[in-house]
PDB file of N, CA and C in Angstrom:
ATOM      1  N   VAL A   1       0.946  -1.503   0.343  1.00  0.00           N
ATOM      2  CA  VAL A   1      -0.590  -0.028  -0.004  1.00  0.00           C
ATOM      3  C   VAL A   1       1.085   1.146   0.069  1.00  0.00           C
ATOM      4  N   LYS A   2       2.128   1.522   0.536  1.00  0.00           N
ATOM      5  CA  LYS A   2       3.045   2.393   0.976  1.00  0.00           C
ATOM      6  C   LYS A   2       3.437   2.715  -0.480  1.00  0.00           C
ATOM      7  N   ARG A   3       3.697   2.239  -1.422  1.00  0.00           N
ATOM      8  CA  ARG A   3       4.015   2.447  -2.918  1.00  0.00           C
ATOM      9  C   ARG A   3       3.291   2.859  -3.733  1.00  0.00           C
ATOM     10  N   TYR A   4       2.094   2.900  -3.425  1.00  0.00           N
ATOM     11  CA  TYR A   4       0.617   3.391  -4.303  1.00  0.00           C
ATOM     12  C   TYR A   4       0.322   4.663  -3.433  1.00  0.00           C
ATOM     13  N   GLU A   5      -0.219   5.298  -4.343  1.00  0.00           N
ATOM     14  CA  GLU A   5      -0.553   6.869  -3.779  1.00  0.00           C
ATOM     15  C   GLU A   5      -2.677   6.882  -3.680  1.00  0.00           C
ATOM     16  N   LYS A   6      -3.091   5.882  -4.521  1.00  0.00           N
ATOM     17  CA  LYS A   6      -3.964   5.543  -4.786  1.00  0.00           C
ATOM     18  C   LYS A   6      -4.435   4.021  -4.883  1.00  0.00           C
ATOM     19  N   VAL A   7      -4.975   4.023  -3.233  1.00  0.00           N
ATOM     20  CA  VAL A   7      -5.279   2.318  -2.883  1.00  0.00           C
ATOM     21  C   VAL A   7      -6.817   2.267  -3.122  1.00  0.00           C
ATOM     22  N   PRO A   8      -6.869   1.229  -4.146  1.00  0.00           N
ATOM     23  CA  PRO A   8      -8.745   0.836  -4.270  1.00  0.00           C
ATOM     24  C   PRO A   8      -9.570   1.078  -3.066  1.00  0.00           C
ATOM     25  N   LEU A   9     -10.892   1.474  -2.967  1.00  0.00           N
ATOM     26  CA  LEU A   9     -11.691   1.185  -1.635  1.00  0.00           C
ATOM     27  C   LEU A   9     -13.327   1.423  -2.467  1.00  0.00           C
ATOM     28  N   ILE A  10     -13.536   0.363  -2.581  1.00  0.00           N
ATOM     29  CA  ILE A  10     -15.145   0.257  -2.286  1.00  0.00           C
ATOM     30  C   ILE A  10     -15.886   0.050  -1.143  1.00  0.00           C
ATOM     31  N   LEU A  11     -16.765   0.775  -0.718  1.00  0.00           N
ATOM     32  CA  LEU A  11     -17.375   0.629   0.849  1.00  0.00           C
ATOM     33  C   LEU A  11     -18.806  -0.348  -0.087  1.00  0.00           C
ATOM     34  N   VAL A  12     -18.905  -2.146  -0.070  1.00  0.00           N
ATOM     35  CA  VAL A  12     -19.625  -2.427  -0.003  1.00  0.00           C
ATOM     36  C   VAL A  12     -20.682  -3.445   0.982  1.00  0.00           C
ATOM     37  N   GLY A  13     -22.230  -3.381   0.558  1.00  0.00           N
ATOM     38  CA  GLY A  13     -23.115  -3.824   1.405  1.00  0.00           C
ATOM     39  C   GLY A  13     -23.561  -4.922   1.265  1.00  0.00           C
ATOM     40  N   ASN A  14     -23.550  -6.059   2.168  1.00  0.00           N
ATOM     41  CA  ASN A  14     -23.510  -7.391   1.572  1.00  0.00           C
ATOM     42  C   ASN A  14     -24.817  -8.052   2.078  1.00  0.00           C
ATOM     43  N   LYS A  15     -25.299  -9.227   1.840  1.00  0.00           N
ATOM     44  CA  LYS A  15     -26.655  -9.549   2.630  1.00  0.00           C
ATOM     45  C   LYS A  15     -28.303  -8.610   1.609  1.00  0.00           C
ATOM     46  N   VAL A  16     -27.931  -8.019   0.688  1.00  0.00           N
ATOM     47  CA  VAL A  16     -29.094  -6.895   0.617  1.00  0.00           C
ATOM     48  C   VAL A  16     -30.123  -8.008   0.058  1.00  0.00           C
ATOM     49  N   ASP A  17     -30.791  -9.257   0.092  1.00  0.00           N
ATOM     50  CA  ASP A  17     -31.602 -10.231  -0.210  1.00  0.00           C
ATOM     51  C   ASP A  17     -32.323 -10.431   1.474  1.00  0.00           C
ATOM     52  N   LEU A  18     -31.809  -9.398   2.217  1.00  0.00           N
ATOM     53  CA  LEU A  18     -32.216 -10.121   3.784  1.00  0.00           C
ATOM     54  C   LEU A  18     -32.817  -8.571   4.156  1.00  0.00           C
ATOM     55  N   GLU A  19     -33.056  -7.872   3.173  1.00  0.00           N
ATOM     56  CA  GLU A  19     -33.992  -6.267   3.494  1.00  0.00           C
ATOM     57  C   GLU A  19     -34.543  -6.423   4.514  1.00  0.00           C
ATOM     58  N   PRO A  20     -35.858  -7.722   5.501  1.00  0.00           N
ATOM     59  CA  PRO A  20     -36.339  -6.756   6.135  1.00  0.00           C
ATOM     60  C   PRO A  20     -35.279  -6.620   7.380  1.00  0.00           C
ATOM     61  N   GLU A  21     -34.343  -7.347   7.280  1.00  0.00           N
ATOM     62  CA  GLU A  21     -33.374  -7.267   8.839  1.00  0.00           C
ATOM     63  C   GLU A  21     -32.048  -6.058   8.754  1.00  0.00           C
ATOM     64  N   ARG A  22     -32.410  -4.965   7.373  1.00  0.00           N
ATOM     65  CA  ARG A  22     -31.210  -4.530   7.028  1.00  0.00           C
ATOM     66  C   ARG A  22     -31.118  -3.223   8.626  1.00  0.00           C
ATOM     67  N   GLU A  23     -29.635  -3.112   8.957  1.00  0.00           N
ATOM     68  CA  GLU A  23     -28.996  -2.499   9.647  1.00  0.00           C
ATOM     69  C   GLU A  23     -29.025  -0.677   9.178  1.00  0.00           C
ATOM     70  N   VAL A  24     -28.378  -0.879   8.100  1.00  0.00           N
ATOM     71  CA  VAL A  24     -27.858   0.658   7.241  1.00  0.00           C
ATOM     72  C   VAL A  24     -28.523   0.861   6.715  1.00  0.00           C
ATOM     73  N   MET A  25     -29.152   1.401   6.077  1.00  0.00           N
ATOM     74  CA  MET A  25     -29.864   2.133   4.939  1.00  0.00           C
ATOM     75  C   MET A  25     -28.711   2.572   3.854  1.00  0.00           C
ATOM     76  N   SER A  26     -29.331   2.183   2.644  1.00  0.00           N
ATOM     77  CA  SER A  26     -28.984   2.138   1.212  1.00  0.00           C
ATOM     78  C   SER A  26     -28.015   3.666   1.289  1.00  0.00           C
ATOM     79  N   SER A  27     -29.013   5.136   1.960  1.00  0.00           N
ATOM     80  CA  SER A  27     -28.335   5.814   2.015  1.00  0.00           C
ATOM     81  C   SER A  27     -27.449   6.468   2.484  1.00  0.00           C
ATOM     82  N   GLU A  28     -27.275   5.587   3.903  1.00  0.00           N
ATOM     83  CA  GLU A  28     -25.970   6.162   4.479  1.00  0.00           C
ATOM     84  C   GLU A  28     -25.148   5.362   4.187  1.00  0.00           C
ATOM     85  N   GLY A  29     -25.270   3.687   3.362  1.00  0.00           N
ATOM     86  CA  GLY A  29     -24.195   3.470   2.888  1.00  0.00           C
ATOM     87  C   GLY A  29     -23.111   4.601   1.473  1.00  0.00           C
ATOM     88  N   ARG A  30     -24.537   5.117   0.733  1.00  0.00           N
ATOM     89  CA  ARG A  30     -23.875   6.002  -0.200  1.00  0.00           C
ATOM     90  C   ARG A  30     -23.137   7.397   0.089  1.00  0.00           C
ATOM     91  N   ALA A  31     -23.677   7.769   0.964  1.00  0.00           N
ATOM     92  CA  ALA A  31     -23.526   9.444   1.581  1.00  0.00           C
ATOM     93  C   ALA A  31     -21.876   9.084   2.068  1.00  0.00           C
ATOM     94  N   LEU A  32     -21.455   7.334   2.936  1.00  0.00           N
ATOM     95  CA  LEU A  32     -20.106   7.569   4.138  1.00  0.00           C
ATOM     96  C   LEU A  32     -19.517   7.342   2.318  1.00  0.00           C
ATOM     97  N   ALA A  33     -19.942   6.530   1.630  1.00  0.00           N
ATOM     98  CA  ALA A  33     -18.664   6.124  -0.074  1.00  0.00           C
ATOM     99  C   ALA A  33     -18.756   7.830  -0.237  1.00  0.00           C
ATOM    100  N   GLN A  34     -19.930   8.602  -0.491  1.00  0.00           N
ATOM    101  CA  GLN A  34     -19.259  10.006  -1.410  1.00  0.00           C
ATOM    102  C   GLN A  34     -18.262  10.512  -0.210  1.00  0.00           C
ATOM    103  N   GLU A  35     -18.527  10.200   1.033  1.00  0.00           N
ATOM    104  CA  GLU A  35     -17.682  10.951   2.010  1.00  0.00           C
ATOM    105  C   GLU A  35     -15.977  10.358   1.992  1.00  0.00           C
ATOM    106  N   TRP A  36     -15.895   9.362   1.534  1.00  0.00           N
ATOM    107  CA  TRP A  36     -14.775   8.721   1.562  1.00  0.00           C
ATOM    108  C   TRP A  36     -14.312   8.642  -0.033  1.00  0.00           C
ATOM    109  N   GLY A  37     -15.135   9.123  -1.089  1.00  0.00           N
ATOM    110  CA  GLY A  37     -14.698   9.227  -2.590  1.00  0.00           C
ATOM    111  C   GLY A  37     -14.459   7.726  -3.133  1.00  0.00           C
ATOM    112  N   CYS A  38     -15.472   6.856  -2.628  1.00  0.00           N
ATOM    113  CA  CYS A  38     -15.134   5.868  -3.499  1.00  0.00           C
ATOM    114  C   CYS A  38     -16.553   4.903  -3.927  1.00  0.00           C
ATOM    115  N   PRO A  39     -17.085   4.538  -4.917  1.00  0.00           N
ATOM    116  CA  PRO A  39     -18.205   3.850  -5.165  1.00  0.00           C
ATOM    117  C   PRO A  39     -18.727   2.941  -4.476  1.00  0.00           C
ATOM    118  N   PHE A  40     -20.011   2.972  -4.173  1.00  0.00           N
ATOM    119  CA  PHE A  40     -20.763   2.422  -3.183  1.00  0.00           C
ATOM    120  C   PHE A  40     -21.886   1.324  -3.889  1.00  0.00           C
ATOM    121  N   MET A  41     -21.833  -0.205  -3.800  1.00  0.00           N
ATOM    122  CA  MET A  41     -22.969  -0.926  -3.921  1.00  0.00           C
ATOM    123  C   MET A  41     -23.162  -1.988  -3.233  1.00  0.00           C
ATOM    124  N   GLU A  42     -24.161  -2.391  -2.812  1.00  0.00           N
ATOM    125  CA  GLU A  42     -25.055  -3.438  -1.937  1.00  0.00           C
ATOM    126  C   GLU A  42     -25.101  -4.943  -3.000  1.00  0.00           C
ATOM    127  N   THR A  43     -24.780  -6.205  -2.520  1.00  0.00           N
ATOM    128  CA  THR A  43     -24.375  -6.927  -2.900  1.00  0.00           C
ATOM    129  C   THR A  43     -25.298  -8.349  -2.471  1.00  0.00           C
ATOM    130  N   SER A  44     -25.970  -9.023  -2.685  1.00  0.00           N
ATOM    131  CA  SER A  44     -26.533 -10.764  -2.438  1.00  0.00           C
ATOM    132  C   SER A  44     -25.604 -11.455  -3.432  1.00  0.00           C
ATOM    133  N   ALA A  45     -24.509 -12.262  -2.169  1.00  0.00           N
ATOM    134  CA  ALA A  45     -24.361 -13.820  -2.494  1.00  0.00           C
ATOM    135  C   ALA A  45     -25.670 -15.061  -3.249  1.00  0.00           C
ATOM    136  N   LYS A  46     -26.581 -14.663  -2.451  1.00  0.00           N
ATOM    137  CA  LYS A  46     -27.388 -15.861  -2.098  1.00  0.00           C
ATOM    138  C   LYS A  46     -28.666 -15.856  -3.630  1.00  0.00           C
ATOM    139  N   SER A  47     -28.625 -14.157  -4.014  1.00  0.00           N
ATOM    140  CA  SER A  47     -29.373 -14.215  -5.100  1.00  0.00           C
ATOM    141  C   SER A  47     -28.695 -13.588  -6.141  1.00  0.00           C
ATOM    142  N   LYS A  48     -27.395 -13.922  -5.923  1.00  0.00           N
ATOM    143  CA  LYS A  48     -26.449 -13.535  -6.981  1.00  0.00           C
ATOM    144  C   LYS A  48     -26.569 -12.011  -7.718  1.00  0.00           C
ATOM    145  N   SER A  49     -26.532 -11.174  -6.662  1.00  0.00           N
ATOM    146  CA  SER A  49     -27.219  -9.850  -7.310  1.00  0.00           C
ATOM    147  C   SER A  49     -25.738  -8.696  -6.981  1.00  0.00           C
ATOM    148  N   MET A  50     -25.355  -8.201  -8.050  1.00  0.00           N
ATOM    149  CA  MET A  50     -24.393  -7.276  -8.887  1.00  0.00           C
ATOM    150  C   MET A  50     -23.066  -7.728  -8.013  1.00  0.00           C
ATOM    151  N   VAL A  51     -22.704  -8.860  -7.991  1.00  0.00           N
ATOM    152  CA  VAL A  51     -21.802  -9.933  -7.543  1.00  0.00           C
ATOM    153  C   VAL A  51     -20.660  -9.906  -8.993  1.00  0.00           C
ATOM    154  N   ASP A  52     -21.036  -9.930  -9.888  1.00  0.00           N
ATOM    155  CA  ASP A  52     -20.634  -9.843 -11.467  1.00  0.00           C
ATOM    156  C   ASP A  52     -19.672  -8.179 -11.177  1.00  0.00           C
ATOM    157  N   GLU A  53     -20.926  -7.265 -11.240  1.00  0.00           N
ATOM    158  CA  GLU A  53     -20.839  -6.251 -11.657  1.00  0.00           C
ATOM    159  C   GLU A  53     -19.533  -5.700  -9.570  1.00  0.00           C
ATOM    160  N   LEU A  54     -19.720  -6.138  -8.995  1.00  0.00           N
ATOM    161  CA  LEU A  54     -18.866  -5.709  -7.676  1.00  0.00           C
ATOM    162  C   LEU A  54     -17.360  -6.231  -8.496  1.00  0.00           C
ATOM    163  N   PHE A  55     -17.075  -7.331  -8.768  1.00  0.00           N
ATOM    164  CA  PHE A  55     -16.036  -8.182  -9.043  1.00  0.00           C
ATOM    165  C   PHE A  55     -15.313  -7.347 -10.459  1.00  0.00           C
ATOM    166  N   ALA A  56     -16.277  -7.118 -11.144  1.00  0.00           N
ATOM    167  CA  ALA A  56     -15.665  -5.882 -12.779  1.00  0.00           C
ATOM    168  C   ALA A  56     -15.266  -4.674 -12.188  1.00  0.00           C
ATOM    169  N   GLU A  57     -15.771  -3.875 -10.803  1.00  0.00           N
ATOM    170  CA  GLU A  57     -15.318  -2.618 -10.435  1.00  0.00           C
ATOM    171  C   GLU A  57     -14.452  -3.161  -9.358  1.00  0.00           C
ATOM    172  N   ILE A  58     -13.838  -3.784  -9.395  1.00  0.00           N
ATOM    173  CA  ILE A  58     -12.879  -4.137  -8.382  1.00  0.00           C
ATOM    174  C   ILE A  58     -11.728  -4.395  -9.352  1.00  0.00           C
ATOM    175  N   VAL A  59     -11.786  -4.754 -10.560  1.00  0.00           N
ATOM    176  CA  VAL A  59     -11.193  -4.928 -11.413  1.00  0.00           C
ATOM    177  C   VAL A  59     -10.475  -3.461 -12.454  1.00  0.00           C
ATOM    178  N   ARG A  60     -10.982  -2.691 -11.906  1.00  0.00           N
ATOM    179  CA  ARG A  60     -11.084  -1.436 -13.019  1.00  0.00           C
ATOM    180  C   ARG A  60     -10.324  -0.506 -11.370  1.00  0.00           C
ATOM    181  N   GLN A  61     -10.555  -0.478 -10.230  1.00  0.00           N
ATOM    182  CA  GLN A  61     -10.107   0.235  -9.311  1.00  0.00           C
ATOM    183  C   GLN A  61      -8.859  -0.270  -9.506  1.00  0.00           C
ATOM    184  N   MET A  62      -8.489  -1.411  -9.291  1.00  0.00           N
ATOM    185  CA  MET A  62      -7.552  -2.020  -9.265  1.00  0.00           C
ATOM    186  C   MET A  62      -6.154  -1.598 -10.867  1.00  0.00           C
ATOM    187  N   ASN A  63      -6.895  -1.560 -12.088  1.00  0.00           N
ATOM    188  CA  ASN A  63      -6.186  -1.150 -12.778  1.00  0.00           C
ATOM    189  C   ASN A  63      -6.033   0.758 -12.706  1.00  0.00           C
ATOM    190  N   TYR A  64      -6.487   0.893 -12.148  1.00  0.00           N
ATOM    191  CA  TYR A  64      -6.918   2.568 -11.954  1.00  0.00           C
ATOM    192  C   TYR A  64      -5.424   3.066 -11.086  1.00  0.00           C
ATOM    193  N   SER A  65      -5.955   2.149 -10.133  1.00  0.00           N
ATOM    194  CA  SER A  65      -4.808   2.623  -8.997  1.00  0.00           C
ATOM    195  C   SER A  65      -3.109   2.361  -9.081  1.00  0.00           C
ATOM    196  N   SER A  66      -3.298   0.794 -10.085  1.00  0.00           N
ATOM    197  CA  SER A  66      -1.606   0.696 -11.101  1.00  0.00           C
ATOM    198  C   SER A  66      -1.452   1.548 -11.972  1.00  0.00           C
ATOM    199  N   LEU A  67      -2.054   2.467 -11.714  1.00  0.00           N
ATOM    200  CA  LEU A  67      -1.526   3.501 -13.817  1.00  0.00           C
ATOM    201  C   LEU A  67      -0.377   4.603 -12.533  1.00  0.00           C
ATOM    202  N   PRO A  68       0.613   4.454 -13.486  1.00  0.00           N
ATOM    203  CA  PRO A  68       2.019   5.931 -12.463  1.00  0.00           C
ATOM    204  C   PRO A  68       1.364   6.823 -12.989  1.00  0.00           C
ATOM    205  N   GLU A  69       1.569   7.625 -11.800  1.00  0.00           N
ATOM    206  CA  GLU A  69       1.661   9.379 -12.038  1.00  0.00           C
ATOM    207  C   GLU A  69       2.208   9.759 -12.552  1.00  0.00           C
ATOM    208  N   LYS A  70       1.814  10.687 -13.984  1.00  0.00           N
ATOM    209  CA  LYS A  70       2.398  11.511 -14.967  1.00  0.00           C
ATOM    210  C   LYS A  70       3.191  12.404 -14.130  1.00  0.00           C
ATOM    211  N   GLN A  71       4.707  12.364 -14.244  1.00  0.00           N
ATOM    212  CA  GLN A  71       5.494  13.600 -13.723  1.00  0.00           C
ATOM    213  C   GLN A  71       5.829  14.531 -14.871  1.00  0.00           C
ATOM    214  N   ASP A  72       5.588  14.073 -16.644  1.00  0.00           N
ATOM    215  CA  ASP A  72       6.233  14.564 -17.314  1.00  0.00           C
ATOM    216  C   ASP A  72       5.947  13.786 -18.316  1.00  0.00           C
ATOM    217  N   GLN A  73       5.368  14.577 -19.413  1.00  0.00           N
ATOM    218  CA  GLN A  73       5.406  13.946 -21.149  1.00  0.00           C
ATOM    219  C   GLN A  73       6.408  13.162 -21.825  1.00  0.00           C
ATOM    220  N   CYS A  74       7.839  13.132 -20.853  1.00  0.00           N
ATOM    221  CA  CYS A  74       8.872  12.554 -21.586  1.00  0.00           C
ATOM    222  C   CYS A  74       8.868  11.476 -21.871  1.00  0.00           C
ATOM    223  N   CYS A  75       8.525  11.019 -23.138  1.00  0.00           N
ATOM    224  CA  CYS A  75       9.168   9.412 -23.671  1.00  0.00           C
ATOM    225  C   CYS A  75       9.253   8.319 -22.645  1.00  0.00           C
ATOM    226  N   THR A  76       7.822   8.366 -22.069  1.00  0.00           N
ATOM    227  CA  THR A  76       7.019   7.386 -21.563  1.00  0.00           C
ATOM    228  C   THR A  76       6.039   6.428 -21.860  1.00  0.00           C
ATOM    229  N   THR A  77       6.378   4.974 -21.385  1.00  0.00           N
ATOM    230  CA  THR A  77       5.459   3.878 -22.133  1.00  0.00           C
ATOM    231  C   THR A  77       5.119   2.849 -20.852  1.00  0.00           C
ATOM    232  N   CYS A  78       3.706   2.911 -20.930  1.00  0.00           N
ATOM    233  CA  CYS A  78       2.493   2.030 -20.069  1.00  0.00           C
ATOM    234  C   CYS A  78       2.606   0.961 -20.866  1.00  0.00           C
ATOM    235  N   VAL A  79       2.640  -0.157 -19.946  1.00  0.00           N
ATOM    236  CA  VAL A  79       2.635  -1.505 -20.737  1.00  0.00           C
ATOM    237  C   VAL A  79       1.173  -2.166 -19.549  1.00  0.00           C
ATOM    238  N   VAL A  80       0.085  -2.721 -19.677  1.00  0.00           N
ATOM    239  CA  VAL A  80      -0.827  -2.812 -19.022  1.00  0.00           C
ATOM    240  C   VAL A  80      -1.120  -4.663 -19.133  1.00  0.00           C
ATOM    241  N   GLN A  81      -0.450  -5.377 -18.074  1.00  0.00           N
ATOM    242  CA  GLN A  81      -1.272  -6.661 -18.227  1.00  0.00           C
ATOM    243  C   GLN A  81      -2.162  -7.484 -18.008  1.00  0.00           C
TER     244      GLN A  81
END
């Protein structure tokens, strides 16, 4: 983590299928994610809701955070594998 200036962060609410037992409202999660400057997602492994989208967002965040900071415009090449 120390070598990265941008650490990937996603706030995730799980077990969205258990709506009657909810302890944290979606609006609270969205507000906290906005405060932290990160995406907010709600998922359910049981109903397979938003699980694939969450992993896709994790990959996007990891790719974004691994890009080097542009220090100058001189002769740099970036290869993402």
